[in-house]
Amino acid sequence: MKSCSVTCLGVGDGWPCADRNHASTLYRFGKTSLLIDCGEPVDRSIKASGISYDSINAILLSHLHADHFGGLFMLMQGFWLEQRQGDLPIFMPSHGIHPLQQMFEAGLLFDELLPFKRKFFGLQPAKPFSVSDVTVTPFPTTHLNGLKTRFQTKHPHVFSAFSFLLERKRMRVGHSADLGTPEDLDPLFEKPLDLLVCEMSHFAPEQMFEYLRTRPVKQVIFVHLGSENWDDVPKLKRLGKKLLPGVRHTFARDGGTFAIE
């Protein structure tokens, strides 16, 4: 295993999937590991992979659609039963912190039961924070703007969604999470990226390929493919080869691990 890598624990698109787990990605930067999103069955995926429960330094939740955080409760039970010891920071949209704490209480995952401390932090747009030797900067996306337009009067303050820039020394990695438009990625490209892990569910592949072909990125890993593209990945590969020349790219499957170079 290279010292810096990404493991795609779940690459599903949010629809019920018979052959894909839901969104969850583990980044390893030397001794620092970050878990972005907790789509189910993330606990099973971590256990099956042999990853130590104590090795995960922090959890980042991009937004609160169920396919991105619905596995968190079983993962927390896994941390408890496996007797994780280290404190666990959870970075997430601020509006969800109190309801999530109430759900842990309702689900009998009391603070007093756990052999570690959960620490919750609200994500603030474009404000970086550190997890060990990795700097994380969250950038807002427009993924939830459609729902916001329809429901914000009745449900204010619940429409935050973020992408992430992960930096360690001179390495720069972008994680799209869910987007409203490819241009949501613009802040990640203020400087060249070594890697972009990018969703491809909410717009046509041609749109994302055209956007990325002029962006400074060494490698792209596509996840979260819509079912129509997932069912014909060879066709998508041919299209990517044509529209994204000169950029290494791949379409990840559950459990795929890739070196970050």
Protein backbone atom coordinates (compact mmCIF):
# COMPACT_ATOMS: atom_id res chain seq x y z
CA MET A 1 0.00 0.00 0.00
CA LYS A 2 1.43 3.39 -0.99
CA SER A 3 1.63 5.96 1.83
CA CYS A 4 -1.10 8.05 0.19
CA SER A 5 -4.15 6.35 -1.27
CA VAL A 6 -7.90 6.51 -1.70
CA THR A 7 -10.28 3.58 -1.23
CA CYS A 8 -13.74 3.86 -2.74
CA LEU A 9 -15.84 1.98 -0.19
CA GLY A 10 -19.10 2.89 -1.93
CA VAL A 11 -19.68 4.27 -5.43
CA GLY A 12 -23.48 4.01 -5.75
CA ASP A 13 -25.61 6.84 -7.11
CA GLY A 14 -28.23 7.12 -4.36
CA TRP A 15 -30.83 4.86 -5.97
CA PRO A 16 -31.38 1.39 -4.47
CA CYS A 17 -28.42 -0.65 -5.73
CA ALA A 18 -28.03 -4.41 -5.97
CA ASP A 19 -24.36 -4.18 -6.92
CA ARG A 20 -23.00 -1.01 -5.33
CA ASN A 21 -22.62 0.41 -1.83
CA HIS A 22 -23.58 3.99 -1.16
CA ALA A 23 -21.21 6.94 -0.99
CA SER A 24 -18.20 6.48 1.24
CA THR A 25 -14.53 7.18 0.55
CA LEU A 26 -11.45 6.62 2.70
CA TYR A 27 -8.36 8.76 2.16
CA ARG A 28 -5.01 7.75 3.62
CA PHE A 29 -2.23 10.32 3.89
CA GLY A 30 0.59 8.52 5.64
CA LYS A 31 -0.69 7.88 9.17
CA THR A 32 -3.72 10.16 8.75
CA SER A 33 -6.99 8.66 7.48
CA LEU A 34 -10.14 10.62 6.64
CA LEU A 35 -13.51 9.03 5.93
CA ILE A 36 -15.68 11.19 3.67
CA ASP A 37 -19.37 10.28 3.86
CA CYS A 38 -20.94 7.22 5.41
CA GLY A 39 -23.41 5.70 2.99
CA GLU A 40 -24.56 2.25 4.06
CA PRO A 41 -23.12 -0.36 4.53
CA VAL A 42 -19.94 1.49 5.46
CA ASP A 43 -19.43 -0.47 8.69
CA ARG A 44 -19.47 -3.76 6.79
CA SER A 45 -17.11 -2.34 4.16
CA ILE A 46 -14.60 -1.22 6.77
CA LYS A 47 -14.76 -4.52 8.63
CA ALA A 48 -14.36 -6.54 5.43
CA SER A 49 -11.38 -4.45 4.30
CA GLY A 50 -9.46 -5.05 7.50
CA ILE A 51 -9.13 -1.33 8.16
CA SER A 52 -8.58 -0.63 11.85
CA TYR A 53 -11.44 1.26 13.46
CA ASP A 54 -8.87 3.25 15.42
CA SER A 55 -7.02 4.31 12.27
CA ILE A 56 -9.79 6.67 11.12
CA ASN A 57 -8.82 10.11 12.36
CA ALA A 58 -11.98 11.99 11.36
CA ILE A 59 -15.30 11.71 9.53
CA LEU A 60 -16.41 14.37 7.04
CA LEU A 61 -20.06 14.49 5.94
CA SER A 62 -20.58 16.45 2.74
CA HIS A 63 -24.36 16.79 3.15
CA LEU A 64 -27.23 14.98 4.77
CA HIS A 65 -28.82 13.00 1.99
CA ALA A 66 -29.31 9.48 3.34
CA ASP A 67 -26.99 7.85 0.78
CA HIS A 68 -24.16 9.96 2.21
CA PHE A 69 -24.73 9.56 5.93
CA GLY A 70 -27.27 6.76 6.45
CA GLY A 71 -24.60 4.23 7.49
CA LEU A 72 -23.19 6.44 10.25
CA PHE A 73 -25.32 4.90 13.00
CA MET A 74 -24.16 1.34 12.39
CA LEU A 75 -20.59 2.58 11.98
CA MET A 76 -20.83 4.24 15.39
CA GLN A 77 -22.09 0.97 16.85
CA GLY A 78 -19.13 -0.74 15.17
CA PHE A 79 -16.74 1.75 16.79
CA TRP A 80 -18.32 0.96 20.15
CA LEU A 81 -18.28 -2.84 19.81
CA GLU A 82 -14.76 -2.86 18.38
CA GLN A 83 -13.70 -0.66 21.31
CA ARG A 84 -12.25 2.22 19.37
CA GLN A 85 -10.21 4.36 21.78
CA GLY A 86 -9.25 7.59 20.05
CA ASP A 87 -11.44 10.68 20.02
CA LEU A 88 -13.54 11.02 16.85
CA PRO A 89 -14.04 14.44 15.23
CA ILE A 90 -17.10 14.60 12.95
CA PHE A 91 -17.22 17.55 10.57
CA MET A 92 -20.62 18.16 9.01
CA PRO A 93 -23.22 20.78 8.04
CA SER A 94 -23.98 22.70 11.22
CA HIS A 95 -27.74 22.35 11.05
CA GLY A 96 -27.50 18.57 11.41
CA ILE A 97 -25.38 18.39 14.55
CA HIS A 98 -28.14 18.66 17.17
CA PRO A 99 -30.58 16.30 15.39
CA LEU A 100 -27.77 13.78 14.92
CA GLN A 101 -26.90 13.92 18.60
CA GLN A 102 -30.57 13.30 19.39
CA MET A 103 -30.61 10.28 17.07
CA PHE A 104 -27.56 8.81 18.79
CA GLU A 105 -29.38 9.29 22.08
CA ALA A 106 -32.56 7.69 20.73
CA GLY A 107 -30.51 4.81 19.29
CA LEU A 108 -28.91 4.13 22.71
CA LEU A 109 -25.44 5.13 21.52
CA PHE A 110 -24.91 7.31 24.58
CA ASP A 111 -21.73 9.32 25.07
CA GLU A 112 -21.22 7.49 28.37
CA LEU A 113 -21.35 4.12 26.58
CA LEU A 114 -18.50 4.81 24.20
CA PRO A 115 -14.82 4.35 25.05
CA PHE A 116 -14.01 7.44 22.96
CA LYS A 117 -15.30 10.99 22.65
CA ARG A 118 -17.33 12.23 19.69
CA LYS A 119 -16.59 15.82 18.81
CA PHE A 120 -18.86 17.65 16.37
CA PHE A 121 -17.78 20.58 14.23
CA GLY A 122 -19.86 22.58 11.77
CA LEU A 123 -18.40 23.07 8.30
CA GLN A 124 -17.82 26.69 7.37
CA PRO A 125 -17.54 27.64 3.69
CA ALA A 126 -13.95 28.14 2.51
CA LYS A 127 -12.62 28.00 6.08
CA PRO A 128 -9.81 25.41 6.36
CA PHE A 129 -9.25 23.15 9.34
CA SER A 130 -6.62 20.55 10.17
CA VAL A 131 -6.84 16.85 10.90
CA SER A 132 -3.36 15.86 12.01
CA ASP A 133 -1.10 16.87 9.10
CA VAL A 134 -3.89 17.24 6.52
CA THR A 135 -5.59 20.56 5.82
CA VAL A 136 -9.22 20.33 4.75
CA THR A 137 -11.11 23.17 3.09
CA PRO A 138 -14.87 22.77 2.50
CA PHE A 139 -16.45 24.62 -0.41
CA PRO A 140 -20.22 24.97 -0.82
CA THR A 141 -21.89 23.39 -3.83
CA THR A 142 -25.28 24.02 -5.42
CA HIS A 143 -26.35 20.38 -5.14
CA LEU A 144 -29.33 21.16 -2.89
CA ASN A 145 -30.43 24.43 -4.49
CA GLY A 146 -33.41 22.83 -6.21
CA LEU A 147 -34.76 21.54 -2.90
CA LYS A 148 -33.96 24.87 -1.28
CA THR A 149 -36.08 26.72 -3.80
CA ARG A 150 -39.03 24.42 -3.16
CA PHE A 151 -38.85 24.00 0.61
CA GLN A 152 -36.78 26.74 2.27
CA THR A 153 -39.85 28.60 3.58
CA LYS A 154 -40.95 25.61 5.63
CA HIS A 155 -37.49 24.11 6.22
CA PRO A 156 -34.91 26.92 6.46
CA HIS A 157 -31.20 26.31 7.08
CA VAL A 158 -31.10 22.66 5.99
CA PHE A 159 -29.63 22.89 2.49
CA SER A 160 -25.85 22.92 2.96
CA ALA A 161 -23.69 20.73 0.72
CA PHE A 162 -19.91 20.77 0.35
CA SER A 163 -17.00 19.58 -1.73
CA PHE A 164 -13.57 19.24 -0.11
CA LEU A 165 -9.98 20.17 -0.85
CA LEU A 166 -7.48 17.95 0.99
CA GLU A 167 -3.89 19.18 1.22
CA ARG A 168 -0.82 17.55 2.71
CA LYS A 169 2.56 19.14 2.08
CA ARG A 170 2.50 19.79 -1.68
CA MET A 171 -0.22 17.25 -2.45
CA ARG A 172 -3.67 18.55 -3.43
CA VAL A 173 -6.71 16.28 -3.68
CA GLY A 174 -10.25 17.31 -4.55
CA HIS A 175 -13.39 15.43 -3.54
CA SER A 176 -16.53 16.59 -5.32
CA ALA A 177 -19.23 14.87 -3.24
CA ASP A 178 -22.52 15.75 -4.98
CA LEU A 179 -22.68 18.76 -7.29
CA GLY A 180 -25.33 20.96 -8.83
CA THR A 181 -23.11 21.85 -11.79
CA PRO A 182 -19.49 21.08 -12.76
CA GLU A 183 -18.64 24.72 -12.10
CA ASP A 184 -19.10 23.99 -8.39
CA LEU A 185 -15.58 22.55 -8.68
CA ASP A 186 -14.01 25.89 -9.64
CA PRO A 187 -12.63 26.66 -6.14
CA LEU A 188 -10.77 23.34 -6.08
CA PHE A 189 -8.88 24.32 -9.24
CA GLU A 190 -7.34 27.57 -8.02
CA LYS A 191 -4.14 25.52 -8.14
CA PRO A 192 -3.49 22.20 -9.94
CA LEU A 193 -4.84 19.01 -8.39
CA ASP A 194 -2.95 15.74 -8.08
CA LEU A 195 -6.26 13.87 -7.92
CA LEU A 196 -9.97 14.59 -8.21
CA VAL A 197 -12.54 12.06 -7.00
CA CYS A 198 -15.62 13.18 -8.87
CA GLU A 199 -19.28 12.23 -8.99
CA MET A 200 -21.05 11.65 -12.31
CA SER A 201 -24.70 11.27 -11.50
CA HIS A 202 -26.34 14.66 -11.71
CA PHE A 203 -25.45 15.72 -15.27
CA ALA A 204 -24.47 14.18 -18.59
CA PRO A 205 -20.94 12.70 -18.83
CA GLU A 206 -20.21 14.94 -21.82
CA GLN A 207 -20.80 17.98 -19.63
CA MET A 208 -18.27 16.86 -17.00
CA PHE A 209 -15.69 15.70 -19.56
CA GLU A 210 -15.86 19.05 -21.36
CA TYR A 211 -15.46 20.89 -18.07
CA LEU A 212 -12.46 18.83 -16.94
CA ARG A 213 -10.54 18.72 -20.22
CA THR A 214 -9.07 22.20 -19.65
CA ARG A 215 -8.63 21.93 -15.87
CA PRO A 216 -5.23 21.33 -14.23
CA VAL A 217 -5.58 17.81 -12.80
CA LYS A 218 -3.27 14.79 -13.07
CA GLN A 219 -5.81 12.05 -12.37
CA VAL A 220 -9.58 11.72 -12.02
CA ILE A 221 -11.50 8.89 -10.36
CA PHE A 222 -15.17 8.91 -11.25
CA VAL A 223 -17.69 7.61 -8.71
CA HIS A 224 -21.45 7.91 -8.14
CA LEU A 225 -22.28 7.09 -11.76
CA GLY A 226 -25.92 7.18 -12.73
CA SER A 227 -27.38 3.73 -13.41
CA GLU A 228 -27.60 4.27 -17.17
CA ASN A 229 -23.83 4.91 -17.30
CA TRP A 230 -23.01 2.21 -14.76
CA ASP A 231 -24.76 -0.34 -16.93
CA ASP A 232 -22.49 0.50 -19.88
CA VAL A 233 -19.10 1.50 -18.50
CA PRO A 234 -17.24 0.38 -21.68
CA LYS A 235 -19.21 2.99 -23.66
CA LEU A 236 -18.41 5.60 -21.02
CA LYS A 237 -14.71 4.72 -21.20
CA ARG A 238 -14.72 5.25 -24.95
CA LEU A 239 -16.39 8.61 -24.51
CA GLY A 240 -13.89 9.60 -21.82
CA LYS A 241 -10.97 8.64 -24.00
CA LYS A 242 -12.35 10.86 -26.76
CA LEU A 243 -13.38 13.89 -24.70
CA LEU A 244 -10.79 13.80 -21.90
CA PRO A 245 -7.48 13.17 -23.70
CA GLY A 246 -4.28 13.54 -21.75
CA VAL A 247 -5.90 13.11 -18.33
CA ARG A 248 -5.63 9.77 -16.56
CA HIS A 249 -9.08 8.72 -15.44
CA THR A 250 -10.90 5.65 -14.25
CA PHE A 251 -14.37 4.57 -13.14
CA ALA A 252 -14.18 3.10 -9.67
CA ARG A 253 -15.95 0.07 -8.28
CA ASP A 254 -16.63 -0.66 -4.62
CA GLY A 255 -13.42 -1.47 -2.79
CA GLY A 256 -11.13 -0.03 -5.44
CA THR A 257 -7.92 1.41 -3.99
CA PHE A 258 -5.78 3.87 -5.89
CA ALA A 259 -2.42 5.43 -5.10
CA ILE A 260 -2.26 9.22 -4.88
CA GLU A 261 0.89 10.26 -6.67
